Amino acid sequence: MRNMHKKDGTGKIKSLPNRIFLVGFMGSGKSHWGRIWSEETGIAYYDLDLQIEKAYRISIADIFQKKGEEKFREIERLYLRRFDKKKNFLLACGGGTPCFADNLAWMKNHGIIIYLKATPEQIAQNLKNETSQRPLLKELSAAGLLTFIKSKLKERKVFYEAAHHILLVNKISEESLSLLLPN
């Protein structure tokens, strides 16, 4: 899978790993950086949650509310597996994607995983105005939000840190993905 090359004459990266999975806690910047790196590299960008919302024509929050988290995780696993047929993409995964079923092993076998690592405080700052749209955060106060994030990060640490690469969000730039490439 490590089919990496430097930039061509147009400034676009000629060849990257066939599949790049961006993982990390909600609010860590997976969608933000995925779009930027897609533009930088010229490869397709997808957001797993948006793929599910488009197919079901309802929000992830509504799926959680109407069908429950367990059913959502089944749907998420199914839609992740649909990327088996795609090549040359960046996929922003949901915060819990690598932590359920055999998703982490599947991603490791099908591409490169990059963990966007943020501190609980950075995540809380990014999410403070989005709690109503995030199913797992709907009922939390500001203090409760930080406690929840710390607890979930501790639970998910083993999954996130199994990634091929770990990028600290406060050090990420447009060039970060290119810097992971061999000389």
N, C-alpha and C. Protein backbone atom coordinates (compact mmCIF):
# COMPACT_ATOMS: atom_id res chain seq x y z
N MET A 1 0.81 -1.21 0.00
CA MET A 1 0.00 0.00 0.00
C MET A 1 0.85 1.26 0.00
N ARG A 2 2.09 1.17 0.34
CA ARG A 2 2.91 2.39 0.45
C ARG A 2 3.44 2.78 -0.92
N ASN A 3 2.56 3.28 -1.73
CA ASN A 3 2.87 3.71 -3.08
C ASN A 3 2.96 5.23 -3.08
N MET A 4 4.05 5.77 -2.48
CA MET A 4 4.15 7.21 -2.29
C MET A 4 5.23 7.80 -3.19
N HIS A 5 4.97 8.98 -3.71
CA HIS A 5 5.93 9.72 -4.50
C HIS A 5 5.82 11.19 -4.19
N LYS A 6 6.85 11.93 -4.54
CA LYS A 6 6.85 13.38 -4.33
C LYS A 6 6.00 14.07 -5.38
N LYS A 7 5.95 15.39 -5.28
CA LYS A 7 5.12 16.20 -6.17
C LYS A 7 5.65 16.18 -7.60
N ASP A 8 4.70 16.26 -8.54
CA ASP A 8 5.08 16.34 -9.95
C ASP A 8 5.25 17.81 -10.33
N GLY A 9 5.42 18.10 -11.60
CA GLY A 9 5.64 19.46 -12.07
C GLY A 9 4.49 20.40 -11.83
N THR A 10 3.30 19.88 -11.60
CA THR A 10 2.13 20.74 -11.36
C THR A 10 1.98 21.10 -9.89
N GLY A 11 2.83 20.52 -9.04
CA GLY A 11 2.71 20.77 -7.61
C GLY A 11 1.81 19.78 -6.91
N LYS A 12 1.16 18.88 -7.67
CA LYS A 12 0.30 17.85 -7.08
C LYS A 12 1.13 16.61 -6.79
N ILE A 13 0.75 15.89 -5.79
CA ILE A 13 1.46 14.64 -5.48
C ILE A 13 1.03 13.60 -6.50
N LYS A 14 2.02 12.99 -7.15
CA LYS A 14 1.73 12.05 -8.21
C LYS A 14 1.08 10.77 -7.69
N SER A 15 1.55 10.27 -6.58
CA SER A 15 1.01 9.01 -6.10
C SER A 15 1.13 8.95 -4.58
N LEU A 16 0.06 8.61 -3.94
CA LEU A 16 0.00 8.45 -2.48
C LEU A 16 -0.39 7.02 -2.19
N PRO A 17 -0.44 6.65 -0.92
CA PRO A 17 -1.02 5.33 -0.64
C PRO A 17 -2.40 5.28 -1.27
N ASN A 18 -2.83 4.12 -1.69
CA ASN A 18 -4.13 4.00 -2.34
C ASN A 18 -5.26 4.53 -1.50
N ARG A 19 -5.17 4.33 -0.19
CA ARG A 19 -6.26 4.74 0.70
C ARG A 19 -5.66 5.33 1.97
N ILE A 20 -6.13 6.51 2.34
CA ILE A 20 -5.68 7.16 3.58
C ILE A 20 -6.90 7.39 4.46
N PHE A 21 -6.87 6.83 5.66
CA PHE A 21 -7.96 6.96 6.61
C PHE A 21 -7.54 7.94 7.70
N LEU A 22 -8.30 9.01 7.87
CA LEU A 22 -8.03 9.98 8.93
C LEU A 22 -8.89 9.63 10.13
N VAL A 23 -8.26 9.42 11.27
CA VAL A 23 -8.99 9.08 12.49
C VAL A 23 -8.64 10.07 13.59
N GLY A 24 -9.47 10.11 14.58
CA GLY A 24 -9.28 10.98 15.73
C GLY A 24 -10.63 11.33 16.32
N PHE A 25 -10.60 11.95 17.46
CA PHE A 25 -11.84 12.30 18.17
C PHE A 25 -12.63 13.34 17.37
N MET A 26 -13.94 13.36 17.57
CA MET A 26 -14.74 14.40 16.92
C MET A 26 -14.17 15.76 17.29
N GLY A 27 -14.14 16.65 16.33
CA GLY A 27 -13.61 17.98 16.58
C GLY A 27 -12.10 18.09 16.48
N SER A 28 -11.44 17.03 16.04
CA SER A 28 -9.97 17.07 15.94
C SER A 28 -9.50 17.64 14.61
N GLY A 29 -10.39 17.83 13.66
CA GLY A 29 -10.02 18.45 12.39
C GLY A 29 -9.91 17.50 11.22
N LYS A 30 -10.45 16.30 11.34
CA LYS A 30 -10.35 15.31 10.25
C LYS A 30 -10.98 15.84 8.96
N SER A 31 -12.18 16.37 9.05
CA SER A 31 -12.86 16.90 7.85
C SER A 31 -12.14 18.13 7.32
N HIS A 32 -11.75 19.01 8.21
CA HIS A 32 -11.05 20.23 7.82
C HIS A 32 -9.77 19.91 7.05
N TRP A 33 -8.91 19.10 7.66
CA TRP A 33 -7.64 18.78 7.02
C TRP A 33 -7.81 17.86 5.84
N GLY A 34 -8.79 16.98 5.89
CA GLY A 34 -9.05 16.10 4.74
C GLY A 34 -9.34 16.90 3.47
N ARG A 35 -10.17 17.93 3.61
CA ARG A 35 -10.49 18.77 2.44
C ARG A 35 -9.24 19.53 1.97
N ILE A 36 -8.49 20.08 2.90
CA ILE A 36 -7.28 20.84 2.53
C ILE A 36 -6.27 19.92 1.85
N TRP A 37 -6.02 18.75 2.43
CA TRP A 37 -5.03 17.84 1.84
C TRP A 37 -5.51 17.28 0.52
N SER A 38 -6.80 17.11 0.35
CA SER A 38 -7.33 16.67 -0.93
C SER A 38 -7.01 17.70 -2.01
N GLU A 39 -7.23 18.95 -1.67
CA GLU A 39 -6.92 20.02 -2.62
C GLU A 39 -5.41 20.08 -2.90
N GLU A 40 -4.62 19.92 -1.86
CA GLU A 40 -3.16 19.96 -1.98
C GLU A 40 -2.63 18.81 -2.84
N THR A 41 -3.20 17.62 -2.68
CA THR A 41 -2.69 16.43 -3.36
C THR A 41 -3.41 16.10 -4.66
N GLY A 42 -4.64 16.59 -4.79
CA GLY A 42 -5.41 16.27 -5.98
C GLY A 42 -6.12 14.92 -5.91
N ILE A 43 -6.13 14.27 -4.73
CA ILE A 43 -6.85 13.01 -4.62
C ILE A 43 -8.22 13.26 -3.97
N ALA A 44 -9.13 12.34 -4.19
CA ALA A 44 -10.51 12.49 -3.73
C ALA A 44 -10.60 12.50 -2.20
N TYR A 45 -11.53 13.29 -1.71
CA TYR A 45 -11.79 13.37 -0.27
C TYR A 45 -13.22 12.91 -0.02
N TYR A 46 -13.40 12.12 1.03
CA TYR A 46 -14.73 11.69 1.47
C TYR A 46 -14.82 11.83 2.98
N ASP A 47 -16.02 12.03 3.46
CA ASP A 47 -16.31 12.07 4.89
C ASP A 47 -17.29 10.93 5.14
N LEU A 48 -16.92 9.97 5.96
CA LEU A 48 -17.75 8.79 6.19
C LEU A 48 -19.13 9.16 6.72
N ASP A 49 -19.19 10.09 7.67
CA ASP A 49 -20.50 10.50 8.20
C ASP A 49 -21.37 11.13 7.11
N LEU A 50 -20.78 11.94 6.24
CA LEU A 50 -21.55 12.56 5.15
C LEU A 50 -22.04 11.52 4.15
N GLN A 51 -21.24 10.49 3.91
CA GLN A 51 -21.67 9.41 3.02
C GLN A 51 -22.92 8.71 3.59
N ILE A 52 -22.91 8.48 4.89
CA ILE A 52 -24.05 7.84 5.54
C ILE A 52 -25.26 8.75 5.53
N GLU A 53 -25.07 10.03 5.86
CA GLU A 53 -26.18 10.98 5.85
C GLU A 53 -26.80 11.11 4.46
N LYS A 54 -25.98 11.13 3.46
CA LYS A 54 -26.47 11.23 2.08
C LYS A 54 -27.31 10.01 1.72
N ALA A 55 -26.84 8.84 2.08
CA ALA A 55 -27.55 7.60 1.75
C ALA A 55 -28.86 7.48 2.51
N TYR A 56 -28.86 7.86 3.78
CA TYR A 56 -30.05 7.71 4.62
C TYR A 56 -30.95 8.94 4.61
N ARG A 57 -30.43 10.03 4.08
CA ARG A 57 -31.17 11.29 3.98
C ARG A 57 -31.64 11.82 5.34
N ILE A 58 -30.85 11.49 6.37
CA ILE A 58 -31.06 12.06 7.71
C ILE A 58 -29.69 12.25 8.35
N SER A 59 -29.64 13.06 9.38
CA SER A 59 -28.36 13.35 10.04
C SER A 59 -27.91 12.17 10.90
N ILE A 60 -26.62 12.16 11.20
CA ILE A 60 -26.08 11.14 12.11
C ILE A 60 -26.79 11.23 13.46
N ALA A 61 -27.05 12.46 13.91
CA ALA A 61 -27.76 12.65 15.18
C ALA A 61 -29.13 11.96 15.14
N ASP A 62 -29.83 12.09 14.02
CA ASP A 62 -31.15 11.45 13.89
C ASP A 62 -31.04 9.93 13.83
N ILE A 63 -30.00 9.43 13.20
CA ILE A 63 -29.80 7.97 13.17
C ILE A 63 -29.58 7.47 14.59
N PHE A 64 -28.73 8.16 15.35
CA PHE A 64 -28.50 7.80 16.76
C PHE A 64 -29.81 7.81 17.53
N GLN A 65 -30.58 8.88 17.35
CA GLN A 65 -31.82 9.03 18.12
C GLN A 65 -32.87 7.99 17.73
N LYS A 66 -33.03 7.73 16.44
CA LYS A 66 -34.09 6.84 15.98
C LYS A 66 -33.71 5.37 15.99
N LYS A 67 -32.43 5.07 15.75
CA LYS A 67 -32.02 3.68 15.62
C LYS A 67 -31.05 3.23 16.72
N GLY A 68 -30.44 4.18 17.42
CA GLY A 68 -29.50 3.85 18.49
C GLY A 68 -28.07 3.75 17.99
N GLU A 69 -27.13 3.82 18.94
CA GLU A 69 -25.71 3.80 18.56
C GLU A 69 -25.30 2.46 17.96
N GLU A 70 -25.82 1.36 18.49
CA GLU A 70 -25.44 0.05 17.98
C GLU A 70 -25.78 -0.09 16.49
N LYS A 71 -26.97 0.32 16.12
CA LYS A 71 -27.38 0.26 14.71
C LYS A 71 -26.52 1.21 13.86
N PHE A 72 -26.22 2.41 14.41
CA PHE A 72 -25.36 3.33 13.68
C PHE A 72 -24.01 2.69 13.42
N ARG A 73 -23.44 2.03 14.41
CA ARG A 73 -22.12 1.41 14.24
C ARG A 73 -22.15 0.31 13.17
N GLU A 74 -23.26 -0.40 13.06
CA GLU A 74 -23.41 -1.40 11.99
C GLU A 74 -23.41 -0.71 10.62
N ILE A 75 -24.16 0.37 10.53
CA ILE A 75 -24.23 1.14 9.28
C ILE A 75 -22.85 1.70 8.93
N GLU A 76 -22.18 2.26 9.93
CA GLU A 76 -20.86 2.84 9.74
C GLU A 76 -19.88 1.79 9.20
N ARG A 77 -19.91 0.59 9.79
CA ARG A 77 -19.05 -0.50 9.34
C ARG A 77 -19.34 -0.85 7.89
N LEU A 78 -20.60 -0.96 7.54
CA LEU A 78 -21.02 -1.27 6.17
C LEU A 78 -20.50 -0.22 5.18
N TYR A 79 -20.66 1.05 5.51
CA TYR A 79 -20.23 2.12 4.60
C TYR A 79 -18.72 2.23 4.52
N LEU A 80 -18.02 1.93 5.60
CA LEU A 80 -16.56 1.89 5.55
C LEU A 80 -16.11 0.82 4.56
N ARG A 81 -16.74 -0.34 4.60
CA ARG A 81 -16.36 -1.45 3.71
C ARG A 81 -16.61 -1.11 2.25
N ARG A 82 -17.49 -0.20 1.96
CA ARG A 82 -17.75 0.20 0.57
C ARG A 82 -16.54 0.89 -0.06
N PHE A 83 -15.62 1.34 0.77
CA PHE A 83 -14.42 1.99 0.25
C PHE A 83 -13.39 0.96 -0.22
N ASP A 84 -13.70 -0.32 -0.08
CA ASP A 84 -12.84 -1.38 -0.58
C ASP A 84 -12.68 -1.28 -2.10
N LYS A 85 -13.68 -0.77 -2.77
CA LYS A 85 -13.68 -0.69 -4.23
C LYS A 85 -13.07 0.62 -4.75
N LYS A 86 -12.84 1.58 -3.86
CA LYS A 86 -12.30 2.88 -4.27
C LYS A 86 -10.79 2.89 -4.12
N LYS A 87 -10.15 3.71 -4.91
CA LYS A 87 -8.70 3.88 -4.87
C LYS A 87 -8.38 5.36 -4.73
N ASN A 88 -7.20 5.64 -4.21
CA ASN A 88 -6.67 7.01 -4.14
C ASN A 88 -7.64 8.00 -3.51
N PHE A 89 -7.80 7.88 -2.21
CA PHE A 89 -8.70 8.79 -1.50
C PHE A 89 -8.20 9.07 -0.09
N LEU A 90 -8.72 10.16 0.46
CA LEU A 90 -8.60 10.50 1.87
C LEU A 90 -10.00 10.33 2.44
N LEU A 91 -10.14 9.58 3.52
CA LEU A 91 -11.44 9.38 4.14
C LEU A 91 -11.40 9.85 5.59
N ALA A 92 -12.20 10.87 5.91
CA ALA A 92 -12.36 11.32 7.29
C ALA A 92 -13.36 10.37 7.94
N CYS A 93 -12.89 9.61 8.91
CA CYS A 93 -13.75 8.64 9.60
C CYS A 93 -14.40 9.30 10.80
N GLY A 94 -15.51 8.75 11.24
CA GLY A 94 -16.14 9.22 12.46
C GLY A 94 -15.21 8.97 13.64
N GLY A 95 -15.40 9.72 14.71
CA GLY A 95 -14.53 9.60 15.88
C GLY A 95 -14.47 8.20 16.46
N GLY A 96 -15.56 7.46 16.38
CA GLY A 96 -15.59 6.11 16.93
C GLY A 96 -15.31 5.01 15.93
N THR A 97 -15.18 5.35 14.67
CA THR A 97 -15.02 4.33 13.62
C THR A 97 -13.96 3.28 13.93
N PRO A 98 -12.73 3.67 14.30
CA PRO A 98 -11.71 2.63 14.51
C PRO A 98 -11.93 1.81 15.79
N CYS A 99 -12.86 2.22 16.63
CA CYS A 99 -13.03 1.61 17.95
C CYS A 99 -14.10 0.53 17.99
N PHE A 100 -14.78 0.29 16.88
CA PHE A 100 -15.89 -0.66 16.88
C PHE A 100 -15.68 -1.75 15.83
N ALA A 101 -16.29 -2.88 16.12
CA ALA A 101 -16.21 -4.06 15.25
C ALA A 101 -14.75 -4.34 14.93
N ASP A 102 -14.47 -4.65 13.69
CA ASP A 102 -13.09 -4.90 13.27
C ASP A 102 -12.62 -3.79 12.33
N ASN A 103 -13.15 -2.59 12.52
CA ASN A 103 -12.85 -1.48 11.62
C ASN A 103 -11.37 -1.12 11.59
N LEU A 104 -10.72 -1.09 12.75
CA LEU A 104 -9.31 -0.72 12.80
C LEU A 104 -8.47 -1.71 11.98
N ALA A 105 -8.68 -2.99 12.21
CA ALA A 105 -7.92 -4.01 11.47
C ALA A 105 -8.20 -3.90 9.97
N TRP A 106 -9.45 -3.67 9.62
CA TRP A 106 -9.81 -3.55 8.20
C TRP A 106 -9.09 -2.36 7.57
N MET A 107 -9.09 -1.21 8.25
CA MET A 107 -8.40 -0.03 7.71
C MET A 107 -6.90 -0.28 7.59
N LYS A 108 -6.31 -0.91 8.59
CA LYS A 108 -4.87 -1.20 8.55
C LYS A 108 -4.53 -2.10 7.36
N ASN A 109 -5.41 -3.02 7.04
CA ASN A 109 -5.18 -3.94 5.92
C ASN A 109 -5.48 -3.32 4.56
N HIS A 110 -6.15 -2.19 4.54
CA HIS A 110 -6.58 -1.60 3.27
C HIS A 110 -5.99 -0.21 2.99
N GLY A 111 -5.13 0.28 3.84
CA GLY A 111 -4.56 1.60 3.59
C GLY A 111 -3.68 2.07 4.73
N ILE A 112 -3.49 3.36 4.77
CA ILE A 112 -2.68 4.02 5.79
C ILE A 112 -3.62 4.79 6.72
N ILE A 113 -3.41 4.65 8.03
CA ILE A 113 -4.22 5.37 9.01
C ILE A 113 -3.39 6.50 9.60
N ILE A 114 -3.98 7.69 9.60
CA ILE A 114 -3.35 8.86 10.21
C ILE A 114 -4.24 9.36 11.34
N TYR A 115 -3.69 9.41 12.52
CA TYR A 115 -4.41 9.88 13.71
C TYR A 115 -4.12 11.36 13.92
N LEU A 116 -5.17 12.18 13.91
CA LEU A 116 -5.04 13.59 14.23
C LEU A 116 -5.27 13.72 15.73
N LYS A 117 -4.18 13.92 16.46
CA LYS A 117 -4.22 13.90 17.92
C LYS A 117 -4.35 15.32 18.47
N ALA A 118 -5.38 15.53 19.26
CA ALA A 118 -5.64 16.82 19.90
C ALA A 118 -5.77 16.62 21.40
N THR A 119 -5.51 17.66 22.15
CA THR A 119 -5.71 17.60 23.60
C THR A 119 -7.21 17.70 23.90
N PRO A 120 -7.64 17.24 25.07
CA PRO A 120 -9.05 17.38 25.44
C PRO A 120 -9.50 18.84 25.39
N GLU A 121 -8.63 19.74 25.79
CA GLU A 121 -8.98 21.17 25.80
C GLU A 121 -9.16 21.71 24.39
N GLN A 122 -8.30 21.29 23.46
CA GLN A 122 -8.45 21.71 22.06
C GLN A 122 -9.77 21.20 21.48
N ILE A 123 -10.08 19.96 21.78
CA ILE A 123 -11.32 19.35 21.27
C ILE A 123 -12.53 20.07 21.86
N ALA A 124 -12.52 20.30 23.17
CA ALA A 124 -13.64 20.99 23.82
C ALA A 124 -13.85 22.37 23.21
N GLN A 125 -12.77 23.07 22.95
CA GLN A 125 -12.86 24.40 22.32
C GLN A 125 -13.52 24.29 20.94
N ASN A 126 -13.12 23.29 20.17
CA ASN A 126 -13.68 23.11 18.82
C ASN A 126 -15.14 22.69 18.84
N LEU A 127 -15.55 21.98 19.89
CA LEU A 127 -16.91 21.43 19.95
C LEU A 127 -17.91 22.25 20.75
N LYS A 128 -17.45 23.24 21.47
CA LYS A 128 -18.32 23.95 22.42
C LYS A 128 -19.58 24.52 21.78
N ASN A 129 -19.54 24.88 20.51
CA ASN A 129 -20.73 25.43 19.84
C ASN A 129 -21.44 24.41 18.97
N GLU A 130 -21.02 23.15 19.04
CA GLU A 130 -21.61 22.11 18.20
C GLU A 130 -22.28 20.99 18.99
N THR A 131 -22.42 21.13 20.28
CA THR A 131 -22.91 20.01 21.09
C THR A 131 -24.31 19.56 20.68
N SER A 132 -25.14 20.47 20.22
CA SER A 132 -26.51 20.08 19.85
C SER A 132 -26.54 19.22 18.59
N GLN A 133 -25.50 19.30 17.74
CA GLN A 133 -25.46 18.49 16.52
C GLN A 133 -24.72 17.18 16.70
N ARG A 134 -24.11 16.98 17.84
CA ARG A 134 -23.32 15.78 18.10
C ARG A 134 -24.08 14.87 19.05
N PRO A 135 -24.49 13.69 18.59
CA PRO A 135 -25.35 12.82 19.40
C PRO A 135 -24.81 12.48 20.78
N LEU A 136 -23.52 12.28 20.90
CA LEU A 136 -22.96 11.88 22.19
C LEU A 136 -22.76 13.06 23.14
N LEU A 137 -22.99 14.30 22.64
CA LEU A 137 -22.70 15.49 23.45
C LEU A 137 -23.94 16.29 23.82
N LYS A 138 -25.08 15.93 23.32
CA LYS A 138 -26.30 16.74 23.43
C LYS A 138 -26.62 17.22 24.84
N GLU A 139 -26.43 16.40 25.82
CA GLU A 139 -26.88 16.71 27.18
C GLU A 139 -25.78 17.27 28.08
N LEU A 140 -24.61 17.57 27.54
CA LEU A 140 -23.48 17.92 28.38
C LEU A 140 -23.31 19.42 28.60
N SER A 141 -22.93 19.80 29.82
CA SER A 141 -22.54 21.18 30.13
C SER A 141 -21.10 21.37 29.68
N ALA A 142 -20.57 22.59 29.79
CA ALA A 142 -19.18 22.85 29.40
C ALA A 142 -18.22 21.98 30.22
N ALA A 143 -18.43 21.91 31.53
CA ALA A 143 -17.57 21.10 32.38
C ALA A 143 -17.75 19.61 32.06
N GLY A 144 -18.98 19.23 31.83
CA GLY A 144 -19.28 17.84 31.48
C GLY A 144 -18.67 17.45 30.15
N LEU A 145 -18.61 18.41 29.23
CA LEU A 145 -18.01 18.16 27.92
C LEU A 145 -16.54 17.78 28.07
N LEU A 146 -15.79 18.54 28.82
CA LEU A 146 -14.37 18.26 29.00
C LEU A 146 -14.16 16.91 29.69
N THR A 147 -14.96 16.63 30.70
CA THR A 147 -14.86 15.34 31.41
C THR A 147 -15.17 14.19 30.45
N PHE A 148 -16.22 14.34 29.65
CA PHE A 148 -16.60 13.32 28.68
C PHE A 148 -15.46 13.08 27.68
N ILE A 149 -14.89 14.16 27.15
CA ILE A 149 -13.81 14.05 26.16
C ILE A 149 -12.62 13.31 26.76
N LYS A 150 -12.22 13.69 27.97
CA LYS A 150 -11.08 13.03 28.62
C LYS A 150 -11.34 11.53 28.79
N SER A 151 -12.55 11.20 29.22
CA SER A 151 -12.89 9.80 29.43
C SER A 151 -12.88 9.01 28.12
N LYS A 152 -13.49 9.56 27.09
CA LYS A 152 -13.55 8.88 25.79
C LYS A 152 -12.17 8.76 25.15
N LEU A 153 -11.36 9.80 25.27
CA LEU A 153 -10.00 9.72 24.72
C LEU A 153 -9.20 8.61 25.40
N LYS A 154 -9.39 8.47 26.71
CA LYS A 154 -8.70 7.40 27.44
C LYS A 154 -9.15 6.03 26.92
N GLU A 155 -10.46 5.86 26.72
CA GLU A 155 -11.01 4.60 26.19
C GLU A 155 -10.49 4.30 24.79
N ARG A 156 -10.40 5.34 23.97
CA ARG A 156 -10.08 5.16 22.55
C ARG A 156 -8.59 5.24 22.23
N LYS A 157 -7.78 5.58 23.20
CA LYS A 157 -6.35 5.79 22.99
C LYS A 157 -5.70 4.61 22.27
N VAL A 158 -5.95 3.41 22.72
CA VAL A 158 -5.33 2.22 22.13
C VAL A 158 -5.68 2.08 20.65
N PHE A 159 -6.88 2.45 20.28
CA PHE A 159 -7.30 2.37 18.87
C PHE A 159 -6.65 3.47 18.04
N TYR A 160 -6.74 4.70 18.53
CA TYR A 160 -6.18 5.84 17.80
C TYR A 160 -4.67 5.70 17.62
N GLU A 161 -3.98 5.29 18.67
CA GLU A 161 -2.52 5.24 18.61
C GLU A 161 -2.00 4.02 17.85
N ALA A 162 -2.89 3.17 17.36
CA ALA A 162 -2.48 2.06 16.50
C ALA A 162 -2.31 2.53 15.05
N ALA A 163 -2.57 3.81 14.79
CA ALA A 163 -2.44 4.36 13.44
C ALA A 163 -0.99 4.27 12.96
N HIS A 164 -0.83 4.30 11.66
CA HIS A 164 0.51 4.30 11.07
C HIS A 164 1.27 5.58 11.39
N HIS A 165 0.55 6.69 11.43
CA HIS A 165 1.15 8.00 11.70
C HIS A 165 0.28 8.77 12.70
N ILE A 166 0.92 9.54 13.56
CA ILE A 166 0.21 10.41 14.51
C ILE A 166 0.66 11.83 14.26
N LEU A 167 -0.30 12.71 14.00
CA LEU A 167 -0.02 14.13 13.79
C LEU A 167 -0.67 14.93 14.91
N LEU A 168 0.10 15.77 15.57
CA LEU A 168 -0.45 16.65 16.61
C LEU A 168 -1.17 17.80 15.92
N VAL A 169 -2.43 18.02 16.28
CA VAL A 169 -3.23 19.01 15.55
C VAL A 169 -2.67 20.42 15.65
N ASN A 170 -1.99 20.75 16.72
CA ASN A 170 -1.44 22.11 16.83
C ASN A 170 -0.17 22.28 16.00
N LYS A 171 0.27 21.22 15.34
CA LYS A 171 1.46 21.30 14.49
C LYS A 171 1.15 20.98 13.02
N ILE A 172 -0.11 20.74 12.70
CA ILE A 172 -0.49 20.37 11.33
C ILE A 172 -0.51 21.61 10.43
N SER A 173 -0.10 21.38 9.18
CA SER A 173 -0.15 22.42 8.17
C SER A 173 -0.58 21.80 6.84
N GLU A 174 -0.69 22.62 5.82
CA GLU A 174 -1.04 22.11 4.49
C GLU A 174 -0.02 21.11 3.99
N GLU A 175 1.21 21.22 4.44
CA GLU A 175 2.28 20.33 3.99
C GLU A 175 2.41 19.05 4.82
N SER A 176 1.68 18.93 5.90
CA SER A 176 1.86 17.79 6.81
C SER A 176 1.75 16.44 6.12
N LEU A 177 0.78 16.30 5.25
CA LEU A 177 0.61 15.02 4.56
C LEU A 177 1.83 14.73 3.68
N SER A 178 2.30 15.75 2.97
CA SER A 178 3.48 15.58 2.10
C SER A 178 4.71 15.19 2.90
N LEU A 179 4.83 15.69 4.13
CA LEU A 179 5.99 15.39 4.97
C LEU A 179 6.03 13.93 5.40
N LEU A 180 4.91 13.24 5.32
CA LEU A 180 4.87 11.82 5.66
C LEU A 180 5.43 10.97 4.53
N LEU A 181 5.62 11.58 3.37
CA LEU A 181 6.10 10.84 2.21
C LEU A 181 7.60 10.61 2.28
N PRO A 182 8.07 9.49 1.76
CA PRO A 182 9.52 9.26 1.75
C PRO A 182 10.20 10.20 0.78
N ASN A 183 11.47 10.43 0.99
CA ASN A 183 12.25 11.32 0.10
C ASN A 183 12.36 10.78 -1.30
